[in-house]
Amino acid sequence: MTKTSSALEALAKLAARVDAAVQASPASSLERNARQHFVSQLARQGLVTREEFEIQTALLEKTRAKLKALETRIAELETEHPPSQKK
């Protein structure tokens, strides 16, 4: 092992220990609780997460494509079989 690789290994071990300490500390649950509270406040105001927004956008695009296909099909059918006019 070179001096540089052993120093990097020592830093990696230290980082892992710090990460484990933070995960086990009350700060971790405080952060999680704060995040949940923030998301719930946004939901009350009618705001959604980016993920939910993207899901709804994709669903809307799919629905619009289906609607366009149906409109095209109806137009084709009306051309082939014009509606009879009642008097």
C-alpha atoms as a PDB file:
ATOM      1  CA  MET A   1       0.000   0.000   0.000  1.00  0.00           C
ATOM      2  CA  THR A   2       1.192   3.453  -0.808  1.00  0.00           C
ATOM      3  CA  LYS A   3       0.967   6.359   1.528  1.00  0.00           C
ATOM      4  CA  THR A   4      -1.780   7.947  -0.596  1.00  0.00           C
ATOM      5  CA  SER A   5      -3.940   4.829  -0.745  1.00  0.00           C
ATOM      6  CA  SER A   6      -3.671   4.266   2.990  1.00  0.00           C
ATOM      7  CA  ALA A   7      -4.653   7.895   3.599  1.00  0.00           C
ATOM      8  CA  LEU A   8      -7.649   7.509   1.280  1.00  0.00           C
ATOM      9  CA  GLU A   9      -8.639   4.292   3.035  1.00  0.00           C
ATOM     10  CA  ALA A  10      -8.421   6.018   6.411  1.00  0.00           C
ATOM     11  CA  LEU A  11     -10.604   8.864   5.141  1.00  0.00           C
ATOM     12  CA  ALA A  12     -13.131   6.397   3.724  1.00  0.00           C
ATOM     13  CA  LYS A  13     -13.322   4.606   7.086  1.00  0.00           C
ATOM     14  CA  LEU A  14     -13.735   7.928   8.890  1.00  0.00           C
ATOM     15  CA  ALA A  15     -16.486   8.994   6.484  1.00  0.00           C
ATOM     16  CA  ALA A  16     -18.283   5.683   7.033  1.00  0.00           C
ATOM     17  CA  ARG A  17     -18.075   6.114  10.818  1.00  0.00           C
ATOM     18  CA  VAL A  18     -19.377   9.690  10.629  1.00  0.00           C
ATOM     19  CA  ASP A  19     -22.216   8.574   8.350  1.00  0.00           C
ATOM     20  CA  ALA A  20     -23.138   5.759  10.755  1.00  0.00           C
ATOM     21  CA  ALA A  21     -23.066   8.187  13.690  1.00  0.00           C
ATOM     22  CA  VAL A  22     -25.336  10.660  11.897  1.00  0.00           C
ATOM     23  CA  GLN A  23     -27.777   7.911  10.904  1.00  0.00           C
ATOM     24  CA  ALA A  24     -27.957   6.725  14.520  1.00  0.00           C
ATOM     25  CA  SER A  25     -28.295  10.223  15.985  1.00  0.00           C
ATOM     26  CA  PRO A  26     -31.490  12.134  16.705  1.00  0.00           C
ATOM     27  CA  ALA A  27     -30.557  14.460  13.836  1.00  0.00           C
ATOM     28  CA  SER A  28     -31.568  11.734  11.390  1.00  0.00           C
ATOM     29  CA  SER A  29     -35.078  11.385  12.796  1.00  0.00           C
ATOM     30  CA  LEU A  30     -35.361  15.163  13.126  1.00  0.00           C
ATOM     31  CA  GLU A  31     -34.535  15.561   9.436  1.00  0.00           C
ATOM     32  CA  ARG A  32     -37.016  12.831   8.474  1.00  0.00           C
ATOM     33  CA  ASN A  33     -39.772  14.398  10.612  1.00  0.00           C
ATOM     34  CA  ALA A  34     -39.067  17.862   9.231  1.00  0.00           C
ATOM     35  CA  ARG A  35     -39.238  16.523   5.681  1.00  0.00           C
ATOM     36  CA  GLN A  36     -42.572  14.765   6.354  1.00  0.00           C
ATOM     37  CA  HIS A  37     -43.983  17.910   7.951  1.00  0.00           C
ATOM     38  CA  PHE A  38     -42.858  20.022   4.999  1.00  0.00           C
ATOM     39  CA  VAL A  39     -44.400  17.630   2.463  1.00  0.00           C
ATOM     40  CA  SER A  40     -47.662  17.532   4.423  1.00  0.00           C
ATOM     41  CA  GLN A  41     -47.808  21.351   4.508  1.00  0.00           C
ATOM     42  CA  LEU A  42     -47.251  21.483   0.754  1.00  0.00           C
ATOM     43  CA  ALA A  43     -50.009  18.905   0.236  1.00  0.00           C
ATOM     44  CA  ARG A  44     -52.434  20.998   2.297  1.00  0.00           C
ATOM     45  CA  GLN A  45     -51.782  23.905  -0.066  1.00  0.00           C
ATOM     46  CA  GLY A  46     -52.488  21.711  -3.068  1.00  0.00           C
ATOM     47  CA  LEU A  47     -48.852  21.366  -4.058  1.00  0.00           C
ATOM     48  CA  VAL A  48     -47.337  18.030  -5.049  1.00  0.00           C
ATOM     49  CA  THR A  49     -43.880  16.541  -5.273  1.00  0.00           C
ATOM     50  CA  ARG A  50     -41.968  16.645  -8.532  1.00  0.00           C
ATOM     51  CA  GLU A  51     -42.384  12.878  -8.855  1.00  0.00           C
ATOM     52  CA  GLU A  52     -46.182  13.111  -8.543  1.00  0.00           C
ATOM     53  CA  PHE A  53     -46.225  16.011 -11.009  1.00  0.00           C
ATOM     54  CA  GLU A  54     -44.254  13.984 -13.558  1.00  0.00           C
ATOM     55  CA  ILE A  55     -46.561  10.976 -13.092  1.00  0.00           C
ATOM     56  CA  GLN A  56     -49.638  13.126 -13.664  1.00  0.00           C
ATOM     57  CA  THR A  57     -48.021  14.834 -16.679  1.00  0.00           C
ATOM     58  CA  ALA A  58     -47.265  11.458 -18.282  1.00  0.00           C
ATOM     59  CA  LEU A  59     -50.835  10.297 -17.595  1.00  0.00           C
ATOM     60  CA  LEU A  60     -52.226  13.462 -19.166  1.00  0.00           C
ATOM     61  CA  GLU A  61     -50.047  13.028 -22.266  1.00  0.00           C
ATOM     62  CA  LYS A  62     -51.250   9.440 -22.641  1.00  0.00           C
ATOM     63  CA  THR A  63     -54.883  10.518 -22.235  1.00  0.00           C
ATOM     64  CA  ARG A  64     -54.471  13.286 -24.819  1.00  0.00           C
ATOM     65  CA  ALA A  65     -52.991  10.804 -27.308  1.00  0.00           C
ATOM     66  CA  LYS A  66     -55.942   8.437 -26.802  1.00  0.00           C
ATOM     67  CA  LEU A  67     -58.401  11.306 -27.212  1.00  0.00           C
ATOM     68  CA  LYS A  68     -56.747  12.418 -30.447  1.00  0.00           C
ATOM     69  CA  ALA A  69     -56.871   8.843 -31.807  1.00  0.00           C
ATOM     70  CA  LEU A  70     -60.570   8.583 -30.922  1.00  0.00           C
ATOM     71  CA  GLU A  71     -61.337  11.943 -32.556  1.00  0.00           C
ATOM     72  CA  THR A  72     -59.529  10.818 -35.704  1.00  0.00           C
ATOM     73  CA  ARG A  73     -61.429   7.524 -35.745  1.00  0.00           C
ATOM     74  CA  ILE A  74     -64.791   9.274 -35.296  1.00  0.00           C
ATOM     75  CA  ALA A  75     -63.974  11.663 -38.151  1.00  0.00           C
ATOM     76  CA  GLU A  76     -63.125   8.678 -40.386  1.00  0.00           C
ATOM     77  CA  LEU A  77     -66.366   6.917 -39.493  1.00  0.00           C
ATOM     78  CA  GLU A  78     -68.407  10.070 -40.106  1.00  0.00           C
ATOM     79  CA  THR A  79     -66.786  10.411 -43.537  1.00  0.00           C
ATOM     80  CA  GLU A  80     -67.569   6.793 -44.422  1.00  0.00           C
ATOM     81  CA  HIS A  81     -71.108   6.945 -43.004  1.00  0.00           C
ATOM     82  CA  PRO A  82     -72.447  10.497 -42.871  1.00  0.00           C
ATOM     83  CA  PRO A  83     -75.067  10.992 -40.175  1.00  0.00           C
ATOM     84  CA  SER A  84     -78.599  11.039 -41.554  1.00  0.00           C
ATOM     85  CA  GLN A  85     -80.386  14.340 -41.289  1.00  0.00           C
ATOM     86  CA  LYS A  86     -83.768  14.281 -39.616  1.00  0.00           C
ATOM     87  CA  LYS A  87     -86.552  16.593 -40.778  1.00  0.00           C
END
